[in-house]
Amino acid sequence: CFVCGRMGASITCWMSGCGRSFHLPCASQGECVTQYFGLYRSFCWEHHPQQSLQAHPEKKRTCSICLETLDNERAFKMIVCPACQDAWFHRNCIQKQALHAGISFCCPCCQNKEPFVSATLNMGIRLSKRPPSWESDRHWELEDQRHSRCDTSTCLCPGGREQAEEEGLWELLLCCSCAAEGTHRGCSYLTISTHWECNGC
């Protein structure tokens, strides 16, 4: 391996006449690119594909994902969206984004899919063919749901804590500050015009 100097390097640079070999785990450190599509070609630091990174000299470049500066980064560690030309990313940041986004992977800034995905694949970003990780996250699914139970220590509603009417004694009010706790109007003895705030708030 031309990166670590150990035996067992099974990946060879695709460029004819180049005899450099490397281990897959050493690829990033040696600025090598492996393309995870088509012929699954690999390239050493000298022959890997490059993007034309043209930025306005007066503009400070920051990664659109982590918001860290890109000024002192080598070109290998940066990827730019070919569609909007204004979205710059650390290679590691966009790789993590690609694995989490799965089949929904696109430019996080302009939402472009075709040229962006082609460019990232060409630069060695590995994509996942599964649904986005956030769609299988149970916590994410529940975030959208409105709180729907009475949290008073003693619920007086004959229908139980889950029952809620549109108005009257058994109307369910949510905390006006956090909306994470609720009470029936009758359980907290609230008048029609009263806003309710939970004990935590």
N, C-alpha and C. Protein backbone atom coordinates (compact mmCIF):
# COMPACT_ATOMS: atom_id res chain seq x y z
N CYS A 1 0.86 -1.19 0.00
CA CYS A 1 0.00 0.00 0.00
C CYS A 1 0.90 1.23 0.00
N PHE A 2 0.67 2.14 -0.96
CA PHE A 2 1.54 3.31 -1.02
C PHE A 2 1.21 4.31 0.08
N VAL A 3 0.08 4.12 0.80
CA VAL A 3 -0.29 5.02 1.88
C VAL A 3 0.35 4.58 3.20
N CYS A 4 0.10 3.30 3.58
CA CYS A 4 0.58 2.83 4.88
C CYS A 4 1.85 1.99 4.80
N GLY A 5 2.21 1.53 3.58
CA GLY A 5 3.43 0.76 3.40
C GLY A 5 3.32 -0.71 3.77
N ARG A 6 2.10 -1.18 4.10
CA ARG A 6 1.94 -2.58 4.48
C ARG A 6 1.50 -3.43 3.29
N MET A 7 1.61 -4.74 3.47
CA MET A 7 1.24 -5.69 2.41
C MET A 7 -0.29 -5.83 2.35
N GLY A 8 -0.76 -6.47 1.28
CA GLY A 8 -2.18 -6.81 1.15
C GLY A 8 -3.03 -5.75 0.48
N ALA A 9 -2.41 -4.78 -0.15
CA ALA A 9 -3.18 -3.74 -0.84
C ALA A 9 -3.75 -4.32 -2.12
N SER A 10 -5.07 -4.42 -2.20
CA SER A 10 -5.70 -5.10 -3.34
C SER A 10 -6.34 -4.14 -4.34
N ILE A 11 -6.34 -2.85 -4.07
CA ILE A 11 -6.95 -1.88 -4.99
C ILE A 11 -5.84 -1.18 -5.76
N THR A 12 -5.94 -1.19 -7.07
CA THR A 12 -4.92 -0.57 -7.93
C THR A 12 -5.53 0.60 -8.68
N CYS A 13 -4.76 1.64 -8.85
CA CYS A 13 -5.21 2.82 -9.60
C CYS A 13 -5.60 2.41 -11.01
N TRP A 14 -6.75 2.93 -11.47
CA TRP A 14 -7.31 2.58 -12.78
C TRP A 14 -6.48 3.13 -13.94
N MET A 15 -5.74 4.19 -13.69
CA MET A 15 -4.97 4.83 -14.76
C MET A 15 -3.90 3.87 -15.27
N SER A 16 -3.89 3.62 -16.58
CA SER A 16 -2.89 2.70 -17.13
C SER A 16 -1.49 3.27 -16.95
N GLY A 17 -0.59 2.42 -16.55
CA GLY A 17 0.78 2.84 -16.32
C GLY A 17 1.05 3.25 -14.88
N CYS A 18 0.01 3.41 -14.08
CA CYS A 18 0.21 3.77 -12.67
C CYS A 18 0.20 2.49 -11.85
N GLY A 19 1.23 2.26 -11.11
CA GLY A 19 1.34 1.02 -10.34
C GLY A 19 0.97 1.17 -8.88
N ARG A 20 0.35 2.29 -8.50
CA ARG A 20 0.03 2.48 -7.08
C ARG A 20 -1.14 1.59 -6.65
N SER A 21 -0.95 0.92 -5.51
CA SER A 21 -2.00 0.10 -4.91
C SER A 21 -2.24 0.60 -3.49
N PHE A 22 -3.44 0.35 -2.97
CA PHE A 22 -3.77 0.80 -1.62
C PHE A 22 -4.88 -0.05 -1.03
N HIS A 23 -5.00 0.00 0.30
CA HIS A 23 -6.12 -0.64 1.00
C HIS A 23 -7.31 0.31 0.97
N LEU A 24 -8.51 -0.24 0.97
CA LEU A 24 -9.71 0.62 0.97
C LEU A 24 -9.75 1.54 2.21
N PRO A 25 -9.42 1.04 3.42
CA PRO A 25 -9.43 1.95 4.58
C PRO A 25 -8.39 3.06 4.49
N CYS A 26 -7.35 2.87 3.68
CA CYS A 26 -6.30 3.89 3.55
C CYS A 26 -6.63 4.93 2.48
N ALA A 27 -7.69 4.68 1.71
CA ALA A 27 -8.00 5.52 0.54
C ALA A 27 -8.17 6.99 0.90
N SER A 28 -8.95 7.28 1.93
CA SER A 28 -9.22 8.67 2.30
C SER A 28 -7.95 9.39 2.74
N GLN A 29 -7.15 8.71 3.55
CA GLN A 29 -5.90 9.32 4.02
C GLN A 29 -4.95 9.59 2.86
N GLY A 30 -4.95 8.71 1.86
CA GLY A 30 -4.08 8.88 0.71
C GLY A 30 -4.70 9.68 -0.41
N GLU A 31 -5.87 10.30 -0.16
CA GLU A 31 -6.60 11.10 -1.14
C GLU A 31 -6.90 10.31 -2.42
N CYS A 32 -7.28 9.05 -2.22
CA CYS A 32 -7.68 8.18 -3.34
C CYS A 32 -9.20 8.22 -3.46
N VAL A 33 -9.69 7.97 -4.64
CA VAL A 33 -11.13 7.98 -4.90
C VAL A 33 -11.54 6.63 -5.44
N THR A 34 -12.58 6.04 -4.83
CA THR A 34 -13.20 4.82 -5.35
C THR A 34 -14.62 5.18 -5.76
N GLN A 35 -14.97 4.90 -6.99
CA GLN A 35 -16.30 5.22 -7.50
C GLN A 35 -17.21 4.01 -7.30
N TYR A 36 -18.29 4.19 -6.55
CA TYR A 36 -19.19 3.09 -6.20
C TYR A 36 -20.35 2.98 -7.19
N PHE A 37 -20.02 2.91 -8.47
CA PHE A 37 -21.02 2.71 -9.52
C PHE A 37 -20.30 2.20 -10.76
N GLY A 38 -21.06 1.71 -11.72
CA GLY A 38 -20.48 1.27 -12.99
C GLY A 38 -19.38 0.24 -12.83
N LEU A 39 -18.16 0.58 -13.24
CA LEU A 39 -17.03 -0.35 -13.19
C LEU A 39 -16.31 -0.33 -11.84
N TYR A 40 -16.79 0.46 -10.89
CA TYR A 40 -16.18 0.56 -9.55
C TYR A 40 -14.68 0.84 -9.67
N ARG A 41 -14.36 1.90 -10.42
CA ARG A 41 -12.97 2.26 -10.62
C ARG A 41 -12.40 2.95 -9.39
N SER A 42 -11.09 2.81 -9.22
CA SER A 42 -10.38 3.48 -8.12
C SER A 42 -9.20 4.24 -8.69
N PHE A 43 -8.89 5.36 -8.06
CA PHE A 43 -7.81 6.22 -8.53
C PHE A 43 -6.94 6.66 -7.37
N CYS A 44 -5.65 6.79 -7.62
CA CYS A 44 -4.73 7.30 -6.60
C CYS A 44 -4.86 8.82 -6.52
N TRP A 45 -4.09 9.45 -5.60
CA TRP A 45 -4.17 10.90 -5.40
C TRP A 45 -3.81 11.70 -6.64
N GLU A 46 -2.95 11.14 -7.51
CA GLU A 46 -2.49 11.88 -8.69
C GLU A 46 -3.49 11.82 -9.83
N HIS A 47 -4.25 10.73 -9.92
CA HIS A 47 -5.11 10.52 -11.09
C HIS A 47 -6.61 10.58 -10.79
N HIS A 48 -6.99 10.87 -9.57
CA HIS A 48 -8.43 10.88 -9.27
C HIS A 48 -9.12 12.05 -9.96
N PRO A 49 -10.44 11.89 -10.25
CA PRO A 49 -11.19 12.98 -10.90
C PRO A 49 -11.24 14.20 -10.00
N GLN A 50 -11.33 15.38 -10.62
CA GLN A 50 -11.37 16.61 -9.85
C GLN A 50 -12.50 17.50 -10.35
N GLN A 51 -13.08 18.24 -9.44
CA GLN A 51 -14.09 19.22 -9.83
C GLN A 51 -13.39 20.55 -10.08
N SER A 52 -13.98 21.36 -10.93
CA SER A 52 -13.44 22.71 -11.10
C SER A 52 -14.05 23.56 -9.99
N LEU A 53 -13.24 23.86 -8.98
CA LEU A 53 -13.71 24.59 -7.82
C LEU A 53 -13.45 26.08 -8.02
N GLN A 54 -14.43 26.76 -8.60
CA GLN A 54 -14.28 28.19 -8.86
C GLN A 54 -15.17 28.95 -7.91
N ALA A 55 -14.54 29.73 -7.04
CA ALA A 55 -15.31 30.52 -6.08
C ALA A 55 -14.93 31.98 -6.23
N HIS A 56 -15.83 32.85 -5.82
CA HIS A 56 -15.52 34.27 -5.83
C HIS A 56 -14.42 34.52 -4.80
N PRO A 57 -13.31 35.14 -5.19
CA PRO A 57 -12.21 35.33 -4.26
C PRO A 57 -12.57 36.14 -3.02
N GLU A 58 -13.57 37.04 -3.19
CA GLU A 58 -13.92 37.87 -2.04
C GLU A 58 -14.86 37.15 -1.07
N LYS A 59 -15.46 36.04 -1.51
CA LYS A 59 -16.40 35.31 -0.67
C LYS A 59 -15.69 34.29 0.20
N LYS A 60 -16.04 34.25 1.46
CA LYS A 60 -15.48 33.26 2.37
C LYS A 60 -16.26 31.96 2.18
N ARG A 61 -15.55 30.87 1.91
CA ARG A 61 -16.22 29.60 1.67
C ARG A 61 -16.45 28.87 2.99
N THR A 62 -17.68 28.40 3.20
CA THR A 62 -17.98 27.59 4.38
C THR A 62 -18.74 26.35 3.93
N CYS A 63 -18.59 25.28 4.67
CA CYS A 63 -19.33 24.04 4.39
C CYS A 63 -20.80 24.31 4.69
N SER A 64 -21.67 24.00 3.74
CA SER A 64 -23.10 24.27 3.90
C SER A 64 -23.77 23.33 4.89
N ILE A 65 -23.05 22.31 5.35
CA ILE A 65 -23.62 21.38 6.33
C ILE A 65 -23.15 21.71 7.74
N CYS A 66 -21.83 21.76 7.95
CA CYS A 66 -21.31 22.00 9.31
C CYS A 66 -21.00 23.48 9.57
N LEU A 67 -21.02 24.30 8.52
CA LEU A 67 -20.77 25.74 8.59
C LEU A 67 -19.35 26.12 9.01
N GLU A 68 -18.44 25.15 8.95
CA GLU A 68 -17.02 25.44 9.23
C GLU A 68 -16.39 26.01 7.96
N THR A 69 -15.32 26.78 8.13
CA THR A 69 -14.66 27.39 6.99
C THR A 69 -13.94 26.34 6.14
N LEU A 70 -13.85 26.60 4.83
CA LEU A 70 -13.17 25.70 3.90
C LEU A 70 -11.89 26.32 3.35
N ASP A 71 -11.51 27.48 3.82
CA ASP A 71 -10.41 28.23 3.22
C ASP A 71 -9.09 27.48 3.15
N ASN A 72 -8.74 26.74 4.19
CA ASN A 72 -7.45 26.08 4.21
C ASN A 72 -7.52 24.60 3.81
N GLU A 73 -8.65 24.17 3.31
CA GLU A 73 -8.81 22.76 2.94
C GLU A 73 -8.22 22.50 1.56
N ARG A 74 -7.69 21.27 1.40
CA ARG A 74 -7.21 20.85 0.08
C ARG A 74 -8.42 20.54 -0.80
N ALA A 75 -8.25 20.64 -2.11
CA ALA A 75 -9.36 20.43 -3.05
C ALA A 75 -9.99 19.05 -2.89
N PHE A 76 -9.19 18.02 -2.53
CA PHE A 76 -9.73 16.68 -2.37
C PHE A 76 -10.80 16.64 -1.28
N LYS A 77 -10.67 17.45 -0.27
CA LYS A 77 -11.57 17.40 0.87
C LYS A 77 -12.82 18.24 0.68
N MET A 78 -13.00 18.84 -0.51
CA MET A 78 -14.15 19.69 -0.77
C MET A 78 -14.93 19.20 -1.98
N ILE A 79 -16.24 19.38 -1.91
CA ILE A 79 -17.11 19.07 -3.05
C ILE A 79 -18.06 20.25 -3.22
N VAL A 80 -18.29 20.65 -4.46
CA VAL A 80 -19.19 21.77 -4.73
C VAL A 80 -20.35 21.27 -5.59
N CYS A 81 -21.53 21.82 -5.36
CA CYS A 81 -22.69 21.44 -6.16
C CYS A 81 -22.56 22.05 -7.55
N PRO A 82 -22.59 21.24 -8.62
CA PRO A 82 -22.44 21.79 -9.96
C PRO A 82 -23.67 22.57 -10.43
N ALA A 83 -24.79 22.38 -9.77
CA ALA A 83 -26.02 23.06 -10.19
C ALA A 83 -26.06 24.50 -9.68
N CYS A 84 -25.93 24.67 -8.37
CA CYS A 84 -26.05 26.03 -7.82
C CYS A 84 -24.69 26.73 -7.70
N GLN A 85 -23.59 25.98 -7.74
CA GLN A 85 -22.23 26.53 -7.69
C GLN A 85 -21.95 27.33 -6.41
N ASP A 86 -22.91 27.35 -5.50
CA ASP A 86 -22.73 28.15 -4.29
C ASP A 86 -22.71 27.27 -3.04
N ALA A 87 -23.02 25.99 -3.20
CA ALA A 87 -23.05 25.07 -2.07
C ALA A 87 -21.74 24.28 -2.03
N TRP A 88 -20.97 24.50 -0.99
CA TRP A 88 -19.69 23.83 -0.80
C TRP A 88 -19.78 22.92 0.41
N PHE A 89 -19.10 21.77 0.34
CA PHE A 89 -19.20 20.80 1.41
C PHE A 89 -17.85 20.17 1.71
N HIS A 90 -17.61 19.82 2.97
CA HIS A 90 -16.51 18.91 3.28
C HIS A 90 -16.88 17.55 2.72
N ARG A 91 -15.93 16.83 2.22
CA ARG A 91 -16.17 15.48 1.71
C ARG A 91 -16.82 14.61 2.78
N ASN A 92 -16.32 14.67 4.02
CA ASN A 92 -16.87 13.85 5.10
C ASN A 92 -18.31 14.24 5.42
N CYS A 93 -18.61 15.53 5.37
CA CYS A 93 -19.97 15.99 5.68
C CYS A 93 -20.96 15.49 4.64
N ILE A 94 -20.61 15.59 3.37
CA ILE A 94 -21.55 15.18 2.33
C ILE A 94 -21.66 13.66 2.27
N GLN A 95 -20.60 12.94 2.67
CA GLN A 95 -20.68 11.47 2.73
C GLN A 95 -21.68 11.04 3.80
N LYS A 96 -21.63 11.67 4.96
CA LYS A 96 -22.60 11.34 6.02
C LYS A 96 -24.02 11.67 5.58
N GLN A 97 -24.17 12.81 4.93
CA GLN A 97 -25.48 13.23 4.43
C GLN A 97 -26.02 12.21 3.43
N ALA A 98 -25.16 11.72 2.54
CA ALA A 98 -25.57 10.76 1.51
C ALA A 98 -26.05 9.46 2.14
N LEU A 99 -25.36 8.98 3.17
CA LEU A 99 -25.74 7.72 3.81
C LEU A 99 -27.05 7.85 4.57
N HIS A 100 -27.29 9.02 5.19
CA HIS A 100 -28.53 9.21 5.93
C HIS A 100 -29.71 9.49 5.00
N ALA A 101 -29.46 10.23 3.91
CA ALA A 101 -30.56 10.61 3.01
C ALA A 101 -31.02 9.44 2.15
N GLY A 102 -30.12 8.49 1.86
CA GLY A 102 -30.50 7.33 1.04
C GLY A 102 -31.02 7.74 -0.32
N ILE A 103 -32.20 7.23 -0.68
CA ILE A 103 -32.76 7.50 -2.01
C ILE A 103 -33.23 8.95 -2.17
N SER A 104 -33.28 9.71 -1.08
CA SER A 104 -33.69 11.12 -1.16
C SER A 104 -32.51 12.07 -1.27
N PHE A 105 -31.31 11.53 -1.49
CA PHE A 105 -30.10 12.36 -1.53
C PHE A 105 -30.16 13.38 -2.65
N CYS A 106 -29.93 14.65 -2.31
CA CYS A 106 -29.88 15.75 -3.27
C CYS A 106 -29.07 16.86 -2.62
N CYS A 107 -28.82 17.92 -3.36
CA CYS A 107 -28.08 19.04 -2.79
C CYS A 107 -28.89 19.64 -1.64
N PRO A 108 -28.31 19.72 -0.44
CA PRO A 108 -29.06 20.26 0.70
C PRO A 108 -29.44 21.73 0.52
N CYS A 109 -28.78 22.43 -0.40
CA CYS A 109 -29.06 23.86 -0.57
C CYS A 109 -30.08 24.13 -1.67
N CYS A 110 -29.84 23.62 -2.88
CA CYS A 110 -30.75 23.93 -3.99
C CYS A 110 -31.70 22.78 -4.33
N GLN A 111 -31.57 21.65 -3.64
CA GLN A 111 -32.42 20.47 -3.83
C GLN A 111 -32.24 19.82 -5.20
N ASN A 112 -31.17 20.16 -5.92
CA ASN A 112 -30.90 19.56 -7.22
C ASN A 112 -30.53 18.10 -7.04
N LYS A 113 -30.99 17.23 -7.95
CA LYS A 113 -30.71 15.81 -7.80
C LYS A 113 -29.76 15.28 -8.87
N GLU A 114 -30.12 15.39 -10.14
CA GLU A 114 -29.36 14.71 -11.20
C GLU A 114 -27.88 15.12 -11.29
N PRO A 115 -27.57 16.38 -11.65
CA PRO A 115 -26.15 16.73 -11.76
C PRO A 115 -25.40 16.58 -10.44
N PHE A 116 -26.09 16.87 -9.33
CA PHE A 116 -25.45 16.79 -8.02
C PHE A 116 -25.06 15.36 -7.68
N VAL A 117 -26.00 14.42 -7.86
CA VAL A 117 -25.72 13.02 -7.55
C VAL A 117 -24.63 12.48 -8.47
N SER A 118 -24.68 12.83 -9.75
CA SER A 118 -23.64 12.38 -10.68
C SER A 118 -22.27 12.89 -10.27
N ALA A 119 -22.20 14.15 -9.88
CA ALA A 119 -20.92 14.74 -9.48
C ALA A 119 -20.38 14.09 -8.23
N THR A 120 -21.23 13.84 -7.25
CA THR A 120 -20.76 13.24 -6.00
C THR A 120 -20.35 11.79 -6.21
N LEU A 121 -21.07 11.05 -7.04
CA LEU A 121 -20.68 9.67 -7.36
C LEU A 121 -19.31 9.66 -8.04
N ASN A 122 -19.12 10.56 -8.97
CA ASN A 122 -17.85 10.64 -9.69
C ASN A 122 -16.69 10.96 -8.75
N MET A 123 -16.98 11.72 -7.69
CA MET A 123 -15.94 12.09 -6.73
C MET A 123 -15.77 11.08 -5.61
N GLY A 124 -16.45 9.93 -5.71
CA GLY A 124 -16.24 8.85 -4.76
C GLY A 124 -17.16 8.84 -3.56
N ILE A 125 -18.25 9.58 -3.60
CA ILE A 125 -19.21 9.55 -2.50
C ILE A 125 -20.09 8.32 -2.67
N ARG A 126 -20.22 7.56 -1.59
CA ARG A 126 -20.99 6.31 -1.61
C ARG A 126 -22.43 6.62 -1.23
N LEU A 127 -23.38 6.17 -2.05
CA LEU A 127 -24.80 6.40 -1.79
C LEU A 127 -25.45 5.15 -1.23
N SER A 128 -26.58 5.34 -0.57
CA SER A 128 -27.34 4.23 -0.01
C SER A 128 -28.65 4.10 -0.78
N LYS A 129 -29.10 2.87 -1.02
CA LYS A 129 -30.34 2.66 -1.77
C LYS A 129 -31.51 2.35 -0.84
N ARG A 130 -31.47 2.89 0.35
CA ARG A 130 -32.57 2.66 1.30
C ARG A 130 -33.30 3.98 1.55
N PRO A 131 -34.47 3.91 2.19
CA PRO A 131 -35.18 5.15 2.51
C PRO A 131 -34.37 5.99 3.49
N PRO A 132 -34.65 7.28 3.58
CA PRO A 132 -33.91 8.15 4.50
C PRO A 132 -33.99 7.63 5.94
N SER A 133 -32.90 7.78 6.68
CA SER A 133 -32.84 7.25 8.04
C SER A 133 -33.90 7.88 8.94
N TRP A 134 -34.25 9.14 8.67
CA TRP A 134 -35.23 9.80 9.53
C TRP A 134 -36.64 9.26 9.34
N GLU A 135 -36.92 8.59 8.22
CA GLU A 135 -38.26 8.03 8.02
C GLU A 135 -38.46 6.74 8.80
N SER A 136 -37.38 6.08 9.19
CA SER A 136 -37.51 4.85 9.97
C SER A 136 -37.31 5.12 11.46
N ASP A 137 -37.11 6.36 11.82
CA ASP A 137 -36.89 6.73 13.22
C ASP A 137 -38.23 7.00 13.88
N ARG A 138 -38.59 6.14 14.83
CA ARG A 138 -39.89 6.24 15.50
C ARG A 138 -40.06 7.60 16.18
N HIS A 139 -38.99 8.12 16.77
CA HIS A 139 -39.06 9.42 17.45
C HIS A 139 -39.45 10.51 16.45
N TRP A 140 -38.87 10.44 15.24
CA TRP A 140 -39.19 11.43 14.21
C TRP A 140 -40.66 11.36 13.83
N GLU A 141 -41.20 10.14 13.73
CA GLU A 141 -42.60 9.97 13.35
C GLU A 141 -43.52 10.63 14.37
N LEU A 142 -43.15 10.56 15.66
CA LEU A 142 -44.01 11.06 16.70
C LEU A 142 -43.88 12.57 16.91
N GLU A 143 -42.82 13.17 16.39
CA GLU A 143 -42.60 14.60 16.60
C GLU A 143 -43.71 15.44 16.01
N ASP A 144 -44.30 14.94 14.94
CA ASP A 144 -45.33 15.69 14.23
C ASP A 144 -46.68 15.67 14.95
N GLN A 145 -46.87 14.75 15.89
CA GLN A 145 -48.17 14.54 16.48
C GLN A 145 -48.39 15.50 17.64
N ARG A 146 -49.62 16.00 17.73
CA ARG A 146 -50.01 16.92 18.79
C ARG A 146 -50.23 16.12 20.07
N HIS A 147 -49.83 16.70 21.21
CA HIS A 147 -50.06 16.06 22.51
C HIS A 147 -51.55 15.89 22.69
N SER A 148 -52.00 14.72 23.16
CA SER A 148 -53.44 14.45 23.16
C SER A 148 -53.93 13.74 24.42
N ARG A 149 -53.40 14.14 25.58
CA ARG A 149 -53.93 13.53 26.81
C ARG A 149 -53.88 14.54 27.95
N CYS A 150 -54.71 14.30 28.94
CA CYS A 150 -54.75 15.14 30.14
C CYS A 150 -53.67 14.67 31.10
N ASP A 151 -52.82 15.59 31.56
CA ASP A 151 -51.69 15.23 32.42
C ASP A 151 -51.88 15.66 33.87
N THR A 152 -53.08 16.07 34.24
CA THR A 152 -53.29 16.46 35.65
C THR A 152 -53.15 15.22 36.53
N SER A 153 -52.82 15.44 37.81
CA SER A 153 -52.63 14.29 38.71
C SER A 153 -53.91 13.48 38.85
N THR A 154 -55.07 14.14 38.86
CA THR A 154 -56.35 13.43 38.91
C THR A 154 -57.21 13.92 37.77
N CYS A 155 -57.42 13.08 36.78
CA CYS A 155 -58.26 13.44 35.64
C CYS A 155 -59.72 13.17 36.01
N LEU A 156 -60.59 14.17 35.86
CA LEU A 156 -62.00 14.07 36.24
C LEU A 156 -62.90 13.68 35.08
N CYS A 157 -62.36 13.62 33.88
CA CYS A 157 -63.16 13.36 32.68
C CYS A 157 -63.72 11.93 32.73
N PRO A 158 -65.05 11.76 32.56
CA PRO A 158 -65.64 10.41 32.58
C PRO A 158 -65.11 9.52 31.44
N GLY A 159 -64.67 10.12 30.34
CA GLY A 159 -64.15 9.35 29.21
C GLY A 159 -62.67 9.01 29.32
N GLY A 160 -62.01 9.51 30.35
CA GLY A 160 -60.59 9.22 30.56
C GLY A 160 -59.67 10.31 30.02
N ARG A 161 -58.39 10.12 30.22
CA ARG A 161 -57.37 11.12 29.87
C ARG A 161 -57.28 11.40 28.37
N GLU A 162 -57.61 10.42 27.55
CA GLU A 162 -57.47 10.56 26.10
C GLU A 162 -58.66 11.27 25.44
N GLN A 163 -59.79 11.36 26.14
CA GLN A 163 -60.97 11.98 25.54
C GLN A 163 -60.78 13.48 25.44
N ALA A 164 -61.21 14.06 24.33
CA ALA A 164 -61.12 15.51 24.15
C ALA A 164 -62.30 15.98 23.31
N GLU A 165 -63.00 16.99 23.81
CA GLU A 165 -64.11 17.59 23.08
C GLU A 165 -63.65 18.93 22.51
N GLU A 166 -64.41 19.45 21.55
CA GLU A 166 -64.00 20.70 20.92
C GLU A 166 -64.21 21.91 21.82
N GLU A 167 -65.16 21.83 22.75
CA GLU A 167 -65.39 22.92 23.70
C GLU A 167 -66.06 22.36 24.94
N GLY A 168 -66.14 23.18 25.96
CA GLY A 168 -66.77 22.75 27.20
C GLY A 168 -65.77 22.25 28.22
N LEU A 169 -66.28 21.55 29.26
CA LEU A 169 -65.44 21.08 30.35
C LEU A 169 -64.34 20.12 29.90
N TRP A 170 -64.62 19.33 28.89
CA TRP A 170 -63.65 18.29 28.49
C TRP A 170 -62.86 18.66 27.24
N GLU A 171 -62.79 19.97 26.98
CA GLU A 171 -61.88 20.47 25.94
C GLU A 171 -60.46 20.30 26.44
N LEU A 172 -59.58 19.80 25.61
CA LEU A 172 -58.18 19.57 26.01
C LEU A 172 -57.35 20.80 25.67
N LEU A 173 -56.75 21.43 26.68
CA LEU A 173 -55.89 22.59 26.48
C LEU A 173 -54.44 22.15 26.62
N LEU A 174 -53.59 22.65 25.75
CA LEU A 174 -52.16 22.37 25.86
C LEU A 174 -51.49 23.56 26.52
N CYS A 175 -50.38 23.30 27.18
CA CYS A 175 -49.62 24.37 27.82
C CYS A 175 -49.32 25.45 26.78
N CYS A 176 -49.63 26.71 27.11
CA CYS A 176 -49.45 27.80 26.15
C CYS A 176 -47.98 28.14 25.93
N SER A 177 -47.06 27.56 26.76
CA SER A 177 -45.63 27.82 26.57
C SER A 177 -44.92 26.69 25.85
N CYS A 178 -45.17 25.43 26.26
CA CYS A 178 -44.40 24.31 25.66
C CYS A 178 -45.23 23.35 24.83
N ALA A 179 -46.54 23.32 25.01
CA ALA A 179 -47.45 22.42 24.30
C ALA A 179 -47.11 20.95 24.50
N ALA A 180 -46.32 20.64 25.53
CA ALA A 180 -45.90 19.25 25.78
C ALA A 180 -46.76 18.59 26.85
N GLU A 181 -47.59 19.36 27.53
CA GLU A 181 -48.50 18.79 28.53
C GLU A 181 -49.88 19.37 28.29
N GLY A 182 -50.90 18.61 28.72
CA GLY A 182 -52.27 19.05 28.49
C GLY A 182 -53.14 18.85 29.71
N THR A 183 -54.29 19.50 29.69
CA THR A 183 -55.29 19.34 30.76
C THR A 183 -56.67 19.56 30.17
N HIS A 184 -57.64 18.83 30.69
CA HIS A 184 -59.03 19.16 30.37
C HIS A 184 -59.36 20.45 31.09
N ARG A 185 -60.18 21.28 30.46
CA ARG A 185 -60.59 22.55 31.10
C ARG A 185 -61.22 22.28 32.47
N GLY A 186 -62.03 21.22 32.55
CA GLY A 186 -62.72 20.90 33.81
C GLY A 186 -61.78 20.34 34.87
N CYS A 187 -60.72 19.66 34.47
CA CYS A 187 -59.79 19.07 35.44
C CYS A 187 -58.96 20.13 36.15
N SER A 188 -58.74 21.28 35.51
CA SER A 188 -57.97 22.36 36.13
C SER A 188 -58.84 23.55 36.49
N TYR A 189 -60.19 23.35 36.41
CA TYR A 189 -61.16 24.38 36.79
C TYR A 189 -60.89 25.71 36.07
N LEU A 190 -60.76 25.64 34.75
CA LEU A 190 -60.42 26.84 33.97
C LEU A 190 -61.67 27.44 33.35
N THR A 191 -61.73 28.78 33.31
CA THR A 191 -62.85 29.46 32.65
C THR A 191 -62.60 29.45 31.14
N ILE A 192 -63.59 29.87 30.40
CA ILE A 192 -63.51 29.84 28.94
C ILE A 192 -62.36 30.68 28.41
N SER A 193 -62.07 31.82 29.01
CA SER A 193 -61.07 32.74 28.45
C SER A 193 -59.65 32.49 28.98
N THR A 194 -59.47 31.50 29.86
CA THR A 194 -58.18 31.31 30.50
C THR A 194 -57.22 30.52 29.63
N HIS A 195 -55.95 30.97 29.56
CA HIS A 195 -54.89 30.17 28.96
C HIS A 195 -54.26 29.37 30.08
N TRP A 196 -53.79 28.19 29.76
CA TRP A 196 -53.23 27.31 30.80
C TRP A 196 -51.74 27.09 30.57
N GLU A 197 -50.98 27.10 31.68
CA GLU A 197 -49.55 26.83 31.60
C GLU A 197 -49.25 25.71 32.58
N CYS A 198 -48.44 24.72 32.13
CA CYS A 198 -48.12 23.57 32.98
C CYS A 198 -47.18 23.98 34.12
N ASN A 199 -47.07 23.12 35.13
CA ASN A 199 -46.22 23.41 36.29
C ASN A 199 -44.76 23.59 35.91
N GLY A 200 -44.30 22.82 34.93
CA GLY A 200 -42.90 22.93 34.51
C GLY A 200 -42.56 24.28 33.91
N CYS A 201 -43.53 24.88 33.26
CA CYS A 201 -43.28 26.19 32.63
C CYS A 201 -43.60 27.33 33.57
